[in-house]
Amino acid sequence: MARFRVAVHITPRKGLLDPQGQAVAGALHSLGFSGVSAAHVGRYIVLETEAESASAAGAEVKAMCGKLLANPVTEDFEIEPATPL
């Protein structure tokens, strides 16, 4: 078994209300950053796990997202490729 680091980006699904993202976009506009068309606030989770391979680590983290880390009704997630530790 090898150890891997896997990062997950979890964001609200497009089309769903994102009040935090709207507040950030509004604040940026009021600070003069008029080029920002939208902001989405989510979570960034970094996991260290043991697995047989990088692909096995990624599959395990995908299962974690489906069961606990992300709400499948309201959130999407992206998993970065696993990196060995």
PDB file of N, CA and C in Angstrom:
ATOM      1  N   MET A   1       0.832  -1.177   0.000  1.00  0.00           N
ATOM      2  CA  MET A   1       0.000   0.000   0.000  1.00  0.00           C
ATOM      3  C   MET A   1       0.878   1.242   0.000  1.00  0.00           C
ATOM      4  N   ALA A   2       0.437   2.232  -0.726  1.00  0.00           N
ATOM      5  CA  ALA A   2       1.146   3.515  -0.793  1.00  0.00           C
ATOM      6  C   ALA A   2       0.218   4.606  -0.262  1.00  0.00           C
ATOM      7  N   ARG A   3       0.828   5.709   0.138  1.00  0.00           N
ATOM      8  CA  ARG A   3       0.044   6.846   0.627  1.00  0.00           C
ATOM      9  C   ARG A   3      -0.107   7.870  -0.482  1.00  0.00           C
ATOM     10  N   PHE A   4      -1.300   8.446  -0.576  1.00  0.00           N
ATOM     11  CA  PHE A   4      -1.595   9.437  -1.602  1.00  0.00           C
ATOM     12  C   PHE A   4      -2.299  10.632  -0.987  1.00  0.00           C
ATOM     13  N   ARG A   5      -2.112  11.770  -1.619  1.00  0.00           N
ATOM     14  CA  ARG A   5      -2.854  12.986  -1.277  1.00  0.00           C
ATOM     15  C   ARG A   5      -3.815  13.247  -2.432  1.00  0.00           C
ATOM     16  N   VAL A   6      -5.078  13.451  -2.074  1.00  0.00           N
ATOM     17  CA  VAL A   6      -6.111  13.700  -3.075  1.00  0.00           C
ATOM     18  C   VAL A   6      -6.905  14.933  -2.636  1.00  0.00           C
ATOM     19  N   ALA A   7      -7.061  15.890  -3.543  1.00  0.00           N
ATOM     20  CA  ALA A   7      -7.808  17.109  -3.243  1.00  0.00           C
ATOM     21  C   ALA A   7      -9.145  17.080  -3.979  1.00  0.00           C
ATOM     22  N   VAL A   8     -10.167  17.618  -3.305  1.00  0.00           N
ATOM     23  CA  VAL A   8     -11.515  17.645  -3.853  1.00  0.00           C
ATOM     24  C   VAL A   8     -12.043  19.077  -3.788  1.00  0.00           C
ATOM     25  N   HIS A   9     -12.600  19.554  -4.897  1.00  0.00           N
ATOM     26  CA  HIS A   9     -13.269  20.856  -4.955  1.00  0.00           C
ATOM     27  C   HIS A   9     -14.770  20.583  -4.982  1.00  0.00           C
ATOM     28  N   ILE A  10     -15.501  21.141  -4.021  1.00  0.00           N
ATOM     29  CA  ILE A  10     -16.946  20.959  -3.959  1.00  0.00           C
ATOM     30  C   ILE A  10     -17.597  22.335  -4.117  1.00  0.00           C
ATOM     31  N   THR A  11     -18.497  22.445  -5.083  1.00  0.00           N
ATOM     32  CA  THR A  11     -19.151  23.726  -5.359  1.00  0.00           C
ATOM     33  C   THR A  11     -20.652  23.515  -5.521  1.00  0.00           C
ATOM     34  N   PRO A  12     -21.431  24.580  -5.290  1.00  0.00           N
ATOM     35  CA  PRO A  12     -22.871  24.471  -5.525  1.00  0.00           C
ATOM     36  C   PRO A  12     -23.149  24.199  -7.004  1.00  0.00           C
ATOM     37  N   ARG A  13     -24.173  23.438  -7.268  1.00  0.00           N
ATOM     38  CA  ARG A  13     -24.546  23.156  -8.655  1.00  0.00           C
ATOM     39  C   ARG A  13     -24.945  24.432  -9.365  1.00  0.00           C
ATOM     40  N   LYS A  14     -24.605  24.515 -10.631  1.00  0.00           N
ATOM     41  CA  LYS A  14     -24.992  25.673 -11.432  1.00  0.00           C
ATOM     42  C   LYS A  14     -26.517  25.737 -11.488  1.00  0.00           C
ATOM     43  N   GLY A  15     -27.034  26.942 -11.395  1.00  0.00           N
ATOM     44  CA  GLY A  15     -28.472  27.137 -11.444  1.00  0.00           C
ATOM     45  C   GLY A  15     -29.132  27.146 -10.078  1.00  0.00           C
ATOM     46  N   LEU A  16     -28.420  26.683  -9.047  1.00  0.00           N
ATOM     47  CA  LEU A  16     -28.978  26.726  -7.699  1.00  0.00           C
ATOM     48  C   LEU A  16     -28.544  28.008  -7.006  1.00  0.00           C
ATOM     49  N   LEU A  17     -29.346  28.465  -6.092  1.00  0.00           N
ATOM     50  CA  LEU A  17     -29.051  29.677  -5.349  1.00  0.00           C
ATOM     51  C   LEU A  17     -27.753  29.514  -4.565  1.00  0.00           C
ATOM     52  N   ASP A  18     -26.855  30.496  -4.703  1.00  0.00           N
ATOM     53  CA  ASP A  18     -25.574  30.505  -3.994  1.00  0.00           C
ATOM     54  C   ASP A  18     -25.435  31.863  -3.304  1.00  0.00           C
ATOM     55  N   PRO A  19     -26.075  32.044  -2.137  1.00  0.00           N
ATOM     56  CA  PRO A  19     -26.052  33.356  -1.495  1.00  0.00           C
ATOM     57  C   PRO A  19     -24.647  33.823  -1.123  1.00  0.00           C
ATOM     58  N   GLN A  20     -23.775  32.902  -0.716  1.00  0.00           N
ATOM     59  CA  GLN A  20     -22.397  33.302  -0.396  1.00  0.00           C
ATOM     60  C   GLN A  20     -21.684  33.798  -1.639  1.00  0.00           C
ATOM     61  N   GLY A  21     -21.855  33.102  -2.746  1.00  0.00           N
ATOM     62  CA  GLY A  21     -21.235  33.525  -3.992  1.00  0.00           C
ATOM     63  C   GLY A  21     -21.749  34.882  -4.442  1.00  0.00           C
ATOM     64  N   GLN A  22     -23.058  35.106  -4.297  1.00  0.00           N
ATOM     65  CA  GLN A  22     -23.636  36.399  -4.664  1.00  0.00           C
ATOM     66  C   GLN A  22     -23.086  37.515  -3.785  1.00  0.00           C
ATOM     67  N   ALA A  23     -22.909  37.241  -2.497  1.00  0.00           N
ATOM     68  CA  ALA A  23     -22.361  38.246  -1.585  1.00  0.00           C
ATOM     69  C   ALA A  23     -20.919  38.577  -1.950  1.00  0.00           C
ATOM     70  N   VAL A  24     -20.140  37.571  -2.296  1.00  0.00           N
ATOM     71  CA  VAL A  24     -18.744  37.803  -2.697  1.00  0.00           C
ATOM     72  C   VAL A  24     -18.699  38.617  -3.989  1.00  0.00           C
ATOM     73  N   ALA A  25     -19.515  38.245  -4.966  1.00  0.00           N
ATOM     74  CA  ALA A  25     -19.533  38.991  -6.233  1.00  0.00           C
ATOM     75  C   ALA A  25     -19.938  40.443  -5.993  1.00  0.00           C
ATOM     76  N   GLY A  26     -20.949  40.668  -5.165  1.00  0.00           N
ATOM     77  CA  GLY A  26     -21.376  42.037  -4.863  1.00  0.00           C
ATOM     78  C   GLY A  26     -20.296  42.845  -4.168  1.00  0.00           C
ATOM     79  N   ALA A  27     -19.600  42.209  -3.219  1.00  0.00           N
ATOM     80  CA  ALA A  27     -18.520  42.893  -2.506  1.00  0.00           C
ATOM     81  C   ALA A  27     -17.372  43.229  -3.451  1.00  0.00           C
ATOM     82  N   LEU A  28     -17.044  42.324  -4.347  1.00  0.00           N
ATOM     83  CA  LEU A  28     -15.973  42.598  -5.313  1.00  0.00           C
ATOM     84  C   LEU A  28     -16.354  43.756  -6.224  1.00  0.00           C
ATOM     85  N   HIS A  29     -17.612  43.789  -6.654  1.00  0.00           N
ATOM     86  CA  HIS A  29     -18.072  44.906  -7.494  1.00  0.00           C
ATOM     87  C   HIS A  29     -17.950  46.229  -6.744  1.00  0.00           C
ATOM     88  N   SER A  30     -18.334  46.217  -5.462  1.00  0.00           N
ATOM     89  CA  SER A  30     -18.265  47.467  -4.685  1.00  0.00           C
ATOM     90  C   SER A  30     -16.825  47.904  -4.437  1.00  0.00           C
ATOM     91  N   LEU A  31     -15.884  46.979  -4.541  1.00  0.00           N
ATOM     92  CA  LEU A  31     -14.462  47.311  -4.391  1.00  0.00           C
ATOM     93  C   LEU A  31     -13.812  47.701  -5.714  1.00  0.00           C
ATOM     94  N   GLY A  32     -14.620  47.741  -6.782  1.00  0.00           N
ATOM     95  CA  GLY A  32     -14.101  48.179  -8.069  1.00  0.00           C
ATOM     96  C   GLY A  32     -13.708  47.071  -9.025  1.00  0.00           C
ATOM     97  N   PHE A  33     -13.956  45.827  -8.668  1.00  0.00           N
ATOM     98  CA  PHE A  33     -13.631  44.709  -9.562  1.00  0.00           C
ATOM     99  C   PHE A  33     -14.847  44.391 -10.422  1.00  0.00           C
ATOM    100  N   SER A  34     -15.114  45.250 -11.383  1.00  0.00           N
ATOM    101  CA  SER A  34     -16.335  45.145 -12.175  1.00  0.00           C
ATOM    102  C   SER A  34     -16.304  44.003 -13.191  1.00  0.00           C
ATOM    103  N   GLY A  35     -15.152  43.431 -13.440  1.00  0.00           N
ATOM    104  CA  GLY A  35     -15.042  42.341 -14.407  1.00  0.00           C
ATOM    105  C   GLY A  35     -15.550  41.008 -13.896  1.00  0.00           C
ATOM    106  N   VAL A  36     -15.829  40.903 -12.607  1.00  0.00           N
ATOM    107  CA  VAL A  36     -16.313  39.637 -12.040  1.00  0.00           C
ATOM    108  C   VAL A  36     -17.783  39.469 -12.401  1.00  0.00           C
ATOM    109  N   SER A  37     -18.097  38.416 -13.132  1.00  0.00           N
ATOM    110  CA  SER A  37     -19.487  38.195 -13.535  1.00  0.00           C
ATOM    111  C   SER A  37     -20.215  37.274 -12.560  1.00  0.00           C
ATOM    112  N   ALA A  38     -19.488  36.413 -11.850  1.00  0.00           N
ATOM    113  CA  ALA A  38     -20.120  35.517 -10.878  1.00  0.00           C
ATOM    114  C   ALA A  38     -19.035  34.970  -9.951  1.00  0.00           C
ATOM    115  N   ALA A  39     -19.443  34.588  -8.756  1.00  0.00           N
ATOM    116  CA  ALA A  39     -18.551  33.937  -7.802  1.00  0.00           C
ATOM    117  C   ALA A  39     -19.296  32.747  -7.217  1.00  0.00           C
ATOM    118  N   HIS A  40     -18.588  31.688  -6.970  1.00  0.00           N
ATOM    119  CA  HIS A  40     -19.177  30.486  -6.389  1.00  0.00           C
ATOM    120  C   HIS A  40     -18.320  30.082  -5.193  1.00  0.00           C
ATOM    121  N   VAL A  41     -18.938  29.986  -4.039  1.00  0.00           N
ATOM    122  CA  VAL A  41     -18.223  29.635  -2.821  1.00  0.00           C
ATOM    123  C   VAL A  41     -18.476  28.163  -2.521  1.00  0.00           C
ATOM    124  N   GLY A  42     -17.403  27.422  -2.335  1.00  0.00           N
ATOM    125  CA  GLY A  42     -17.525  26.003  -2.051  1.00  0.00           C
ATOM    126  C   GLY A  42     -16.523  25.581  -0.997  1.00  0.00           C
ATOM    127  N   ARG A  43     -16.114  24.338  -1.089  1.00  0.00           N
ATOM    128  CA  ARG A  43     -15.155  23.784  -0.135  1.00  0.00           C
ATOM    129  C   ARG A  43     -14.010  23.137  -0.889  1.00  0.00           C
ATOM    130  N   TYR A  44     -12.850  23.130  -0.235  1.00  0.00           N
ATOM    131  CA  TYR A  44     -11.655  22.478  -0.768  1.00  0.00           C
ATOM    132  C   TYR A  44     -11.184  21.520   0.313  1.00  0.00           C
ATOM    133  N   ILE A  45     -11.195  20.236   0.024  1.00  0.00           N
ATOM    134  CA  ILE A  45     -10.834  19.222   1.010  1.00  0.00           C
ATOM    135  C   ILE A  45      -9.613  18.465   0.496  1.00  0.00           C
ATOM    136  N   VAL A  46      -8.607  18.321   1.351  1.00  0.00           N
ATOM    137  CA  VAL A  46      -7.413  17.552   1.014  1.00  0.00           C
ATOM    138  C   VAL A  46      -7.379  16.325   1.911  1.00  0.00           C
ATOM    139  N   LEU A  47      -7.325  15.166   1.282  1.00  0.00           N
ATOM    140  CA  LEU A  47      -7.314  13.902   2.013  1.00  0.00           C
ATOM    141  C   LEU A  47      -5.998  13.175   1.801  1.00  0.00           C
ATOM    142  N   GLU A  48      -5.502  12.534   2.829  1.00  0.00           N
ATOM    143  CA  GLU A  48      -4.365  11.632   2.711  1.00  0.00           C
ATOM    144  C   GLU A  48      -4.896  10.232   2.973  1.00  0.00           C
ATOM    145  N   THR A  49      -4.652   9.336   2.024  1.00  0.00           N
ATOM    146  CA  THR A  49      -5.221   7.999   2.123  1.00  0.00           C
ATOM    147  C   THR A  49      -4.228   6.957   1.622  1.00  0.00           C
ATOM    148  N   GLU A  50      -4.409   5.728   2.052  1.00  0.00           N
ATOM    149  CA  GLU A  50      -3.595   4.618   1.572  1.00  0.00           C
ATOM    150  C   GLU A  50      -4.387   3.838   0.542  1.00  0.00           C
ATOM    151  N   ALA A  51      -3.703   3.467  -0.534  1.00  0.00           N
ATOM    152  CA  ALA A  51      -4.353   2.703  -1.599  1.00  0.00           C
ATOM    153  C   ALA A  51      -3.281   1.965  -2.388  1.00  0.00           C
ATOM    154  N   GLU A  52      -3.728   1.032  -3.213  1.00  0.00           N
ATOM    155  CA  GLU A  52      -2.807   0.251  -4.040  1.00  0.00           C
ATOM    156  C   GLU A  52      -2.189   1.084  -5.163  1.00  0.00           C
ATOM    157  N   SER A  53      -2.957   2.061  -5.663  1.00  0.00           N
ATOM    158  CA  SER A  53      -2.484   2.881  -6.779  1.00  0.00           C
ATOM    159  C   SER A  53      -3.165   4.248  -6.722  1.00  0.00           C
ATOM    160  N   ALA A  54      -2.672   5.154  -7.553  1.00  0.00           N
ATOM    161  CA  ALA A  54      -3.275   6.482  -7.618  1.00  0.00           C
ATOM    162  C   ALA A  54      -4.722   6.401  -8.104  1.00  0.00           C
ATOM    163  N   SER A  55      -4.984   5.533  -9.066  1.00  0.00           N
ATOM    164  CA  SER A  55      -6.357   5.407  -9.568  1.00  0.00           C
ATOM    165  C   SER A  55      -7.276   4.812  -8.508  1.00  0.00           C
ATOM    166  N   ALA A  56      -6.771   3.891  -7.706  1.00  0.00           N
ATOM    167  CA  ALA A  56      -7.570   3.320  -6.617  1.00  0.00           C
ATOM    168  C   ALA A  56      -7.857   4.384  -5.555  1.00  0.00           C
ATOM    169  N   ALA A  57      -6.884   5.236  -5.285  1.00  0.00           N
ATOM    170  CA  ALA A  57      -7.088   6.327  -4.324  1.00  0.00           C
ATOM    171  C   ALA A  57      -8.161   7.277  -4.841  1.00  0.00           C
ATOM    172  N   GLY A  58      -8.105   7.612  -6.127  1.00  0.00           N
ATOM    173  CA  GLY A  58      -9.111   8.484  -6.716  1.00  0.00           C
ATOM    174  C   GLY A  58     -10.504   7.870  -6.660  1.00  0.00           C
ATOM    175  N   ALA A  59     -10.599   6.574  -6.929  1.00  0.00           N
ATOM    176  CA  ALA A  59     -11.900   5.893  -6.882  1.00  0.00           C
ATOM    177  C   ALA A  59     -12.454   5.879  -5.460  1.00  0.00           C
ATOM    178  N   GLU A  60     -11.574   5.685  -4.484  1.00  0.00           N
ATOM    179  CA  GLU A  60     -12.010   5.679  -3.090  1.00  0.00           C
ATOM    180  C   GLU A  60     -12.530   7.063  -2.670  1.00  0.00           C
ATOM    181  N   VAL A  61     -11.828   8.107  -3.091  1.00  0.00           N
ATOM    182  CA  VAL A  61     -12.264   9.464  -2.761  1.00  0.00           C
ATOM    183  C   VAL A  61     -13.574   9.795  -3.471  1.00  0.00           C
ATOM    184  N   LYS A  62     -13.760   9.308  -4.676  1.00  0.00           N
ATOM    185  CA  LYS A  62     -15.032   9.515  -5.377  1.00  0.00           C
ATOM    186  C   LYS A  62     -16.171   8.879  -4.590  1.00  0.00           C
ATOM    187  N   ALA A  63     -15.948   7.688  -4.049  1.00  0.00           N
ATOM    188  CA  ALA A  63     -16.966   7.037  -3.226  1.00  0.00           C
ATOM    189  C   ALA A  63     -17.235   7.845  -1.957  1.00  0.00           C
ATOM    190  N   MET A  64     -16.182   8.417  -1.368  1.00  0.00           N
ATOM    191  CA  MET A  64     -16.353   9.259  -0.175  1.00  0.00           C
ATOM    192  C   MET A  64     -17.223  10.469  -0.488  1.00  0.00           C
ATOM    193  N   CYS A  65     -17.000  11.066  -1.656  1.00  0.00           N
ATOM    194  CA  CYS A  65     -17.794  12.230  -2.057  1.00  0.00           C
ATOM    195  C   CYS A  65     -19.255  11.844  -2.228  1.00  0.00           C
ATOM    196  N   GLY A  66     -19.499  10.703  -2.822  1.00  0.00           N
ATOM    197  CA  GLY A  66     -20.866  10.254  -3.052  1.00  0.00           C
ATOM    198  C   GLY A  66     -21.608   9.908  -1.782  1.00  0.00           C
ATOM    199  N   LYS A  67     -20.866   9.464  -0.755  1.00  0.00           N
ATOM    200  CA  LYS A  67     -21.515   9.030   0.479  1.00  0.00           C
ATOM    201  C   LYS A  67     -21.544  10.090   1.577  1.00  0.00           C
ATOM    202  N   LEU A  68     -20.562  11.017   1.574  1.00  0.00           N
ATOM    203  CA  LEU A  68     -20.492  11.937   2.703  1.00  0.00           C
ATOM    204  C   LEU A  68     -20.066  13.360   2.354  1.00  0.00           C
ATOM    205  N   LEU A  69     -19.015  13.508   1.578  1.00  0.00           N
ATOM    206  CA  LEU A  69     -18.383  14.820   1.436  1.00  0.00           C
ATOM    207  C   LEU A  69     -19.202  15.823   0.631  1.00  0.00           C
ATOM    208  N   ALA A  70     -19.945  15.359  -0.359  1.00  0.00           N
ATOM    209  CA  ALA A  70     -20.737  16.261  -1.207  1.00  0.00           C
ATOM    210  C   ALA A  70     -22.198  15.833  -1.180  1.00  0.00           C
ATOM    211  N   ASN A  71     -23.075  16.815  -1.218  1.00  0.00           N
ATOM    212  CA  ASN A  71     -24.508  16.538  -1.303  1.00  0.00           C
ATOM    213  C   ASN A  71     -24.850  16.357  -2.786  1.00  0.00           C
ATOM    214  N   PRO A  72     -25.225  15.159  -3.209  1.00  0.00           N
ATOM    215  CA  PRO A  72     -25.440  14.922  -4.640  1.00  0.00           C
ATOM    216  C   PRO A  72     -26.608  15.706  -5.234  1.00  0.00           C
ATOM    217  N   VAL A  73     -27.486  16.225  -4.410  1.00  0.00           N
ATOM    218  CA  VAL A  73     -28.631  16.984  -4.907  1.00  0.00           C
ATOM    219  C   VAL A  73     -28.251  18.424  -5.200  1.00  0.00           C
ATOM    220  N   THR A  74     -27.382  19.016  -4.378  1.00  0.00           N
ATOM    221  CA  THR A  74     -27.102  20.450  -4.493  1.00  0.00           C
ATOM    222  C   THR A  74     -25.669  20.801  -4.843  1.00  0.00           C
ATOM    223  N   GLU A  75     -24.759  19.808  -4.878  1.00  0.00           N
ATOM    224  CA  GLU A  75     -23.344  20.116  -5.084  1.00  0.00           C
ATOM    225  C   GLU A  75     -22.715  19.238  -6.159  1.00  0.00           C
ATOM    226  N   ASP A  76     -21.734  19.817  -6.822  1.00  0.00           N
ATOM    227  CA  ASP A  76     -20.880  19.080  -7.752  1.00  0.00           C
ATOM    228  C   ASP A  76     -19.496  18.994  -7.136  1.00  0.00           C
ATOM    229  N   PHE A  77     -18.713  18.015  -7.583  1.00  0.00           N
ATOM    230  CA  PHE A  77     -17.342  17.927  -7.082  1.00  0.00           C
ATOM    231  C   PHE A  77     -16.384  17.542  -8.192  1.00  0.00           C
ATOM    232  N   GLU A  78     -15.162  17.987  -8.039  1.00  0.00           N
ATOM    233  CA  GLU A  78     -14.074  17.639  -8.950  1.00  0.00           C
ATOM    234  C   GLU A  78     -12.938  17.084  -8.098  1.00  0.00           C
ATOM    235  N   ILE A  79     -12.359  15.992  -8.531  1.00  0.00           N
ATOM    236  CA  ILE A  79     -11.261  15.369  -7.796  1.00  0.00           C
ATOM    237  C   ILE A  79      -9.980  15.582  -8.575  1.00  0.00           C
ATOM    238  N   GLU A  80      -8.985  16.137  -7.914  1.00  0.00           N
ATOM    239  CA  GLU A  80      -7.670  16.297  -8.540  1.00  0.00           C
ATOM    240  C   GLU A  80      -6.987  14.931  -8.572  1.00  0.00           C
ATOM    241  N   PRO A  81      -6.095  14.711  -9.520  1.00  0.00           N
ATOM    242  CA  PRO A  81      -5.368  13.444  -9.554  1.00  0.00           C
ATOM    243  C   PRO A  81      -4.591  13.215  -8.248  1.00  0.00           C
ATOM    244  N   ALA A  82      -4.567  11.965  -7.800  1.00  0.00           N
ATOM    245  CA  ALA A  82      -3.849  11.608  -6.585  1.00  0.00           C
ATOM    246  C   ALA A  82      -2.351  11.770  -6.789  1.00  0.00           C
ATOM    247  N   THR A  83      -1.684  12.281  -5.768  1.00  0.00           N
ATOM    248  CA  THR A  83      -0.227  12.419  -5.816  1.00  0.00           C
ATOM    249  C   THR A  83       0.377  11.596  -4.690  1.00  0.00           C
ATOM    250  N   PRO A  84       1.456  10.875  -4.972  1.00  0.00           N
ATOM    251  CA  PRO A  84       2.086  10.064  -3.926  1.00  0.00           C
ATOM    252  C   PRO A  84       2.713  10.939  -2.844  1.00  0.00           C
ATOM    253  N   LEU A  85       2.688  10.442  -1.615  1.00  0.00           N
ATOM    254  CA  LEU A  85       3.332  11.145  -0.501  1.00  0.00           C
ATOM    255  C   LEU A  85       4.680  10.529  -0.204  1.00  0.00           C
TER     256      LEU A  85
END
